[in-house]
Amino acid sequence: MEARNRFNIRVYGLLIHPEAKVLVSDELIHNQSITKFPGGGLQWGEGLIDGLQREFNEEIKINISVAQHLYTTDVFQASAYNPQDQIISIYYQVTTTEWDTISVVTKAHDYDYNLDPPQCVRWIAIDRIHEILFSFPIDKIIVQKICNKEISLIL
């Protein structure tokens, strides 16, 4: 059967701590350690916000709300895991009232995997954020836009 080209819709959230830090997720995907913003694939029947809220609840066990839209992919990006898929990523800045819950699951160092699935989250100071820290090309675009002041985060 011939492979078909398709769209893969992803939704991500930038959670900014009151101390000017952003939450990132370290994950083991296809035996490769990656760093990305929390979020993931949209499921059939979900809206963007519903999918983002589900991802944060699954990955970090917190409830979030959307503060603002930041970016939607405006370049072609093939999937790193399936070259037949074109990735469409939507990024939002999110907020939460559950700061104490996050402190329980965050780690001080990257790639500290003691969970199933192997994933952990940690904070990076916004003034120390750099595209080299991220694995996926679209995350790198977001970081460039933040560093170049093309995207304004609500602090």
C-alpha atoms as a PDB file:
ATOM      1  CA  MET A   1       0.000   0.000   0.000  1.00  0.00           C
ATOM      2  CA  GLU A   2       1.330   3.429  -0.950  1.00  0.00           C
ATOM      3  CA  ALA A   3       2.135   5.883   1.868  1.00  0.00           C
ATOM      4  CA  ARG A   4      -0.053   8.975   1.916  1.00  0.00           C
ATOM      5  CA  ASN A   5       0.982  12.479   2.760  1.00  0.00           C
ATOM      6  CA  ARG A   6      -0.932  13.880   5.697  1.00  0.00           C
ATOM      7  CA  PHE A   7      -0.977  16.706   8.208  1.00  0.00           C
ATOM      8  CA  ASN A   8       0.082  16.123  11.815  1.00  0.00           C
ATOM      9  CA  ILE A   9      -1.294  18.861  14.089  1.00  0.00           C
ATOM     10  CA  ARG A  10       0.665  19.569  17.271  1.00  0.00           C
ATOM     11  CA  VAL A  11      -0.129  22.021  20.056  1.00  0.00           C
ATOM     12  CA  TYR A  12       2.355  23.319  22.642  1.00  0.00           C
ATOM     13  CA  GLY A  13       2.302  25.591  25.655  1.00  0.00           C
ATOM     14  CA  LEU A  14       4.877  27.933  27.106  1.00  0.00           C
ATOM     15  CA  LEU A  15       4.278  28.128  30.842  1.00  0.00           C
ATOM     16  CA  ILE A  16       6.115  31.113  32.310  1.00  0.00           C
ATOM     17  CA  HIS A  17       6.948  31.000  36.008  1.00  0.00           C
ATOM     18  CA  PRO A  18       6.566  34.293  37.933  1.00  0.00           C
ATOM     19  CA  GLU A  19      10.365  34.215  38.388  1.00  0.00           C
ATOM     20  CA  ALA A  20      10.831  34.535  34.579  1.00  0.00           C
ATOM     21  CA  LYS A  21      11.452  30.867  33.815  1.00  0.00           C
ATOM     22  CA  VAL A  22       9.858  28.701  31.113  1.00  0.00           C
ATOM     23  CA  LEU A  23       8.892  25.061  31.589  1.00  0.00           C
ATOM     24  CA  VAL A  24      10.447  22.528  29.193  1.00  0.00           C
ATOM     25  CA  SER A  25       9.958  18.803  28.802  1.00  0.00           C
ATOM     26  CA  ASP A  26      12.778  16.285  28.446  1.00  0.00           C
ATOM     27  CA  GLU A  27      11.563  13.067  26.835  1.00  0.00           C
ATOM     28  CA  LEU A  28      12.900   9.848  25.402  1.00  0.00           C
ATOM     29  CA  ILE A  29      11.297   9.338  21.971  1.00  0.00           C
ATOM     30  CA  HIS A  30      12.435   6.539  19.651  1.00  0.00           C
ATOM     31  CA  ASN A  31      15.480   6.037  21.926  1.00  0.00           C
ATOM     32  CA  GLN A  32      16.524   9.655  21.451  1.00  0.00           C
ATOM     33  CA  SER A  33      16.624  12.242  24.243  1.00  0.00           C
ATOM     34  CA  ILE A  34      14.815  15.401  23.211  1.00  0.00           C
ATOM     35  CA  THR A  35      13.985  18.720  24.835  1.00  0.00           C
ATOM     36  CA  LYS A  36      10.787  20.465  23.798  1.00  0.00           C
ATOM     37  CA  PHE A  37       7.993  22.628  25.079  1.00  0.00           C
ATOM     38  CA  PRO A  38       5.193  20.683  26.804  1.00  0.00           C
ATOM     39  CA  GLY A  39       2.422  19.541  24.495  1.00  0.00           C
ATOM     40  CA  GLY A  40       1.926  17.120  21.655  1.00  0.00           C
ATOM     41  CA  GLY A  41      -0.408  15.740  19.054  1.00  0.00           C
ATOM     42  CA  LEU A  42      -4.029  16.681  18.657  1.00  0.00           C
ATOM     43  CA  GLN A  43      -6.430  13.762  18.868  1.00  0.00           C
ATOM     44  CA  TRP A  44      -9.428  13.277  16.594  1.00  0.00           C
ATOM     45  CA  GLY A  45     -12.381  15.321  17.847  1.00  0.00           C
ATOM     46  CA  GLU A  46     -10.336  17.731  19.995  1.00  0.00           C
ATOM     47  CA  GLY A  47     -10.075  21.465  19.638  1.00  0.00           C
ATOM     48  CA  LEU A  48      -6.666  23.078  20.026  1.00  0.00           C
ATOM     49  CA  ILE A  49      -7.234  24.299  23.583  1.00  0.00           C
ATOM     50  CA  ASP A  50      -8.797  20.990  24.658  1.00  0.00           C
ATOM     51  CA  GLY A  51      -5.799  19.115  23.258  1.00  0.00           C
ATOM     52  CA  LEU A  52      -3.313  21.409  24.975  1.00  0.00           C
ATOM     53  CA  GLN A  53      -5.134  21.104  28.293  1.00  0.00           C
ATOM     54  CA  ARG A  54      -5.177  17.300  27.938  1.00  0.00           C
ATOM     55  CA  GLU A  55      -1.446  17.198  27.158  1.00  0.00           C
ATOM     56  CA  PHE A  56      -0.557  19.300  30.228  1.00  0.00           C
ATOM     57  CA  ASN A  57      -2.817  17.167  32.397  1.00  0.00           C
ATOM     58  CA  GLU A  58      -1.271  13.924  31.076  1.00  0.00           C
ATOM     59  CA  GLU A  59       2.357  15.059  31.106  1.00  0.00           C
ATOM     60  CA  ILE A  60       2.539  17.335  34.148  1.00  0.00           C
ATOM     61  CA  LYS A  61      -0.691  16.609  36.021  1.00  0.00           C
ATOM     62  CA  ILE A  62      -1.791  20.260  36.091  1.00  0.00           C
ATOM     63  CA  ASN A  63      -4.656  22.272  34.688  1.00  0.00           C
ATOM     64  CA  ILE A  64      -3.781  25.229  32.486  1.00  0.00           C
ATOM     65  CA  SER A  65      -5.566  28.052  30.746  1.00  0.00           C
ATOM     66  CA  VAL A  66      -4.470  29.898  27.639  1.00  0.00           C
ATOM     67  CA  ALA A  67      -3.090  33.422  28.087  1.00  0.00           C
ATOM     68  CA  GLN A  68      -2.315  34.186  24.420  1.00  0.00           C
ATOM     69  CA  HIS A  69      -1.570  32.680  21.019  1.00  0.00           C
ATOM     70  CA  LEU A  70       2.136  32.961  20.166  1.00  0.00           C
ATOM     71  CA  TYR A  71       2.787  31.285  16.823  1.00  0.00           C
ATOM     72  CA  THR A  72       1.420  28.907  14.203  1.00  0.00           C
ATOM     73  CA  THR A  73       3.785  27.154  11.829  1.00  0.00           C
ATOM     74  CA  ASP A  74       4.194  29.219   8.658  1.00  0.00           C
ATOM     75  CA  VAL A  75       6.891  27.086   7.012  1.00  0.00           C
ATOM     76  CA  PHE A  76       6.888  23.536   5.707  1.00  0.00           C
ATOM     77  CA  GLN A  77       8.184  21.078   8.282  1.00  0.00           C
ATOM     78  CA  ALA A  78       8.280  17.337   7.677  1.00  0.00           C
ATOM     79  CA  SER A  79       7.945  15.100  10.725  1.00  0.00           C
ATOM     80  CA  ALA A  80      11.206  13.851  12.198  1.00  0.00           C
ATOM     81  CA  TYR A  81       9.555  10.465  12.732  1.00  0.00           C
ATOM     82  CA  ASN A  82       7.428  10.071   9.588  1.00  0.00           C
ATOM     83  CA  PRO A  83       8.606  11.987   6.497  1.00  0.00           C
ATOM     84  CA  GLN A  84       5.131  11.565   4.946  1.00  0.00           C
ATOM     85  CA  ASP A  85       3.685  13.850   7.640  1.00  0.00           C
ATOM     86  CA  GLN A  86       3.727  17.636   7.454  1.00  0.00           C
ATOM     87  CA  ILE A  87       3.847  19.111  10.952  1.00  0.00           C
ATOM     88  CA  ILE A  88       1.555  22.021  11.793  1.00  0.00           C
ATOM     89  CA  SER A  89       2.401  23.358  15.268  1.00  0.00           C
ATOM     90  CA  ILE A  90       0.444  25.908  17.267  1.00  0.00           C
ATOM     91  CA  TYR A  91       2.032  27.561  20.302  1.00  0.00           C
ATOM     92  CA  TYR A  92       0.253  29.298  23.158  1.00  0.00           C
ATOM     93  CA  GLN A  93       1.446  30.962  26.306  1.00  0.00           C
ATOM     94  CA  VAL A  94      -0.380  29.266  29.158  1.00  0.00           C
ATOM     95  CA  THR A  95      -0.866  29.882  32.844  1.00  0.00           C
ATOM     96  CA  THR A  96      -1.860  27.849  35.870  1.00  0.00           C
ATOM     97  CA  THR A  97      -2.805  28.269  39.505  1.00  0.00           C
ATOM     98  CA  GLU A  98      -1.179  24.936  40.405  1.00  0.00           C
ATOM     99  CA  TRP A  99       2.425  26.089  40.932  1.00  0.00           C
ATOM    100  CA  ASP A 100       2.933  23.810  43.958  1.00  0.00           C
ATOM    101  CA  THR A 101       2.046  20.724  41.895  1.00  0.00           C
ATOM    102  CA  ILE A 102       4.690  21.579  39.290  1.00  0.00           C
ATOM    103  CA  SER A 103       7.430  21.861  41.924  1.00  0.00           C
ATOM    104  CA  VAL A 104       6.829  18.188  42.762  1.00  0.00           C
ATOM    105  CA  VAL A 105       7.512  16.955  39.211  1.00  0.00           C
ATOM    106  CA  THR A 106      10.322  19.277  38.071  1.00  0.00           C
ATOM    107  CA  LYS A 107      13.955  18.217  38.033  1.00  0.00           C
ATOM    108  CA  ALA A 108      17.113  20.268  38.405  1.00  0.00           C
ATOM    109  CA  HIS A 109      18.919  18.637  35.495  1.00  0.00           C
ATOM    110  CA  ASP A 110      17.893  17.578  32.022  1.00  0.00           C
ATOM    111  CA  TYR A 111      17.171  13.966  31.066  1.00  0.00           C
ATOM    112  CA  ASP A 112      16.504  12.719  34.592  1.00  0.00           C
ATOM    113  CA  TYR A 113      14.246   9.815  33.582  1.00  0.00           C
ATOM    114  CA  ASN A 114      12.729   7.845  36.410  1.00  0.00           C
ATOM    115  CA  LEU A 115       9.182   7.761  35.077  1.00  0.00           C
ATOM    116  CA  ASP A 116       7.177   5.620  32.714  1.00  0.00           C
ATOM    117  CA  PRO A 117       7.053   6.937  30.047  1.00  0.00           C
ATOM    118  CA  PRO A 118      10.564   8.395  30.457  1.00  0.00           C
ATOM    119  CA  GLN A 119       9.870  12.113  30.721  1.00  0.00           C
ATOM    120  CA  CYS A 120      10.604  14.933  33.142  1.00  0.00           C
ATOM    121  CA  VAL A 121      10.076  18.676  33.184  1.00  0.00           C
ATOM    122  CA  ARG A 122      12.366  21.479  34.321  1.00  0.00           C
ATOM    123  CA  TRP A 123      12.612  25.255  34.317  1.00  0.00           C
ATOM    124  CA  ILE A 124      14.946  27.335  32.141  1.00  0.00           C
ATOM    125  CA  ALA A 125      15.432  31.035  32.894  1.00  0.00           C
ATOM    126  CA  ILE A 126      14.034  33.063  30.007  1.00  0.00           C
ATOM    127  CA  ASP A 127      17.208  35.151  29.836  1.00  0.00           C
ATOM    128  CA  ARG A 128      19.213  31.916  29.356  1.00  0.00           C
ATOM    129  CA  ILE A 129      16.976  30.334  26.738  1.00  0.00           C
ATOM    130  CA  HIS A 130      18.710  29.475  23.470  1.00  0.00           C
ATOM    131  CA  GLU A 131      17.634  27.516  20.405  1.00  0.00           C
ATOM    132  CA  ILE A 132      20.507  25.047  20.819  1.00  0.00           C
ATOM    133  CA  LEU A 133      18.754  23.688  23.936  1.00  0.00           C
ATOM    134  CA  PHE A 134      15.777  22.445  21.892  1.00  0.00           C
ATOM    135  CA  SER A 135      15.491  19.411  19.644  1.00  0.00           C
ATOM    136  CA  PHE A 136      12.733  20.258  17.168  1.00  0.00           C
ATOM    137  CA  PRO A 137      13.082  22.859  14.384  1.00  0.00           C
ATOM    138  CA  ILE A 138       9.795  24.620  15.153  1.00  0.00           C
ATOM    139  CA  ASP A 139      10.691  24.968  18.863  1.00  0.00           C
ATOM    140  CA  LYS A 140      13.934  26.584  17.699  1.00  0.00           C
ATOM    141  CA  ILE A 141      11.895  29.092  15.653  1.00  0.00           C
ATOM    142  CA  ILE A 142       9.855  30.001  18.740  1.00  0.00           C
ATOM    143  CA  VAL A 143      13.011  30.547  20.787  1.00  0.00           C
ATOM    144  CA  GLN A 144      14.535  32.706  18.023  1.00  0.00           C
ATOM    145  CA  LYS A 145      11.370  34.817  17.935  1.00  0.00           C
ATOM    146  CA  ILE A 146      11.454  35.237  21.725  1.00  0.00           C
ATOM    147  CA  CYS A 147      15.143  36.196  21.689  1.00  0.00           C
ATOM    148  CA  ASN A 148      14.597  38.627  18.786  1.00  0.00           C
ATOM    149  CA  LYS A 149      11.601  40.187  20.606  1.00  0.00           C
ATOM    150  CA  GLU A 150       9.242  39.150  17.758  1.00  0.00           C
ATOM    151  CA  ILE A 151       7.123  37.348  20.339  1.00  0.00           C
ATOM    152  CA  SER A 152       6.245  39.096  23.577  1.00  0.00           C
ATOM    153  CA  LEU A 153       5.647  36.888  26.571  1.00  0.00           C
ATOM    154  CA  ILE A 154       3.415  38.007  29.402  1.00  0.00           C
ATOM    155  CA  LEU A 155       5.603  38.033  32.514  1.00  0.00           C
END
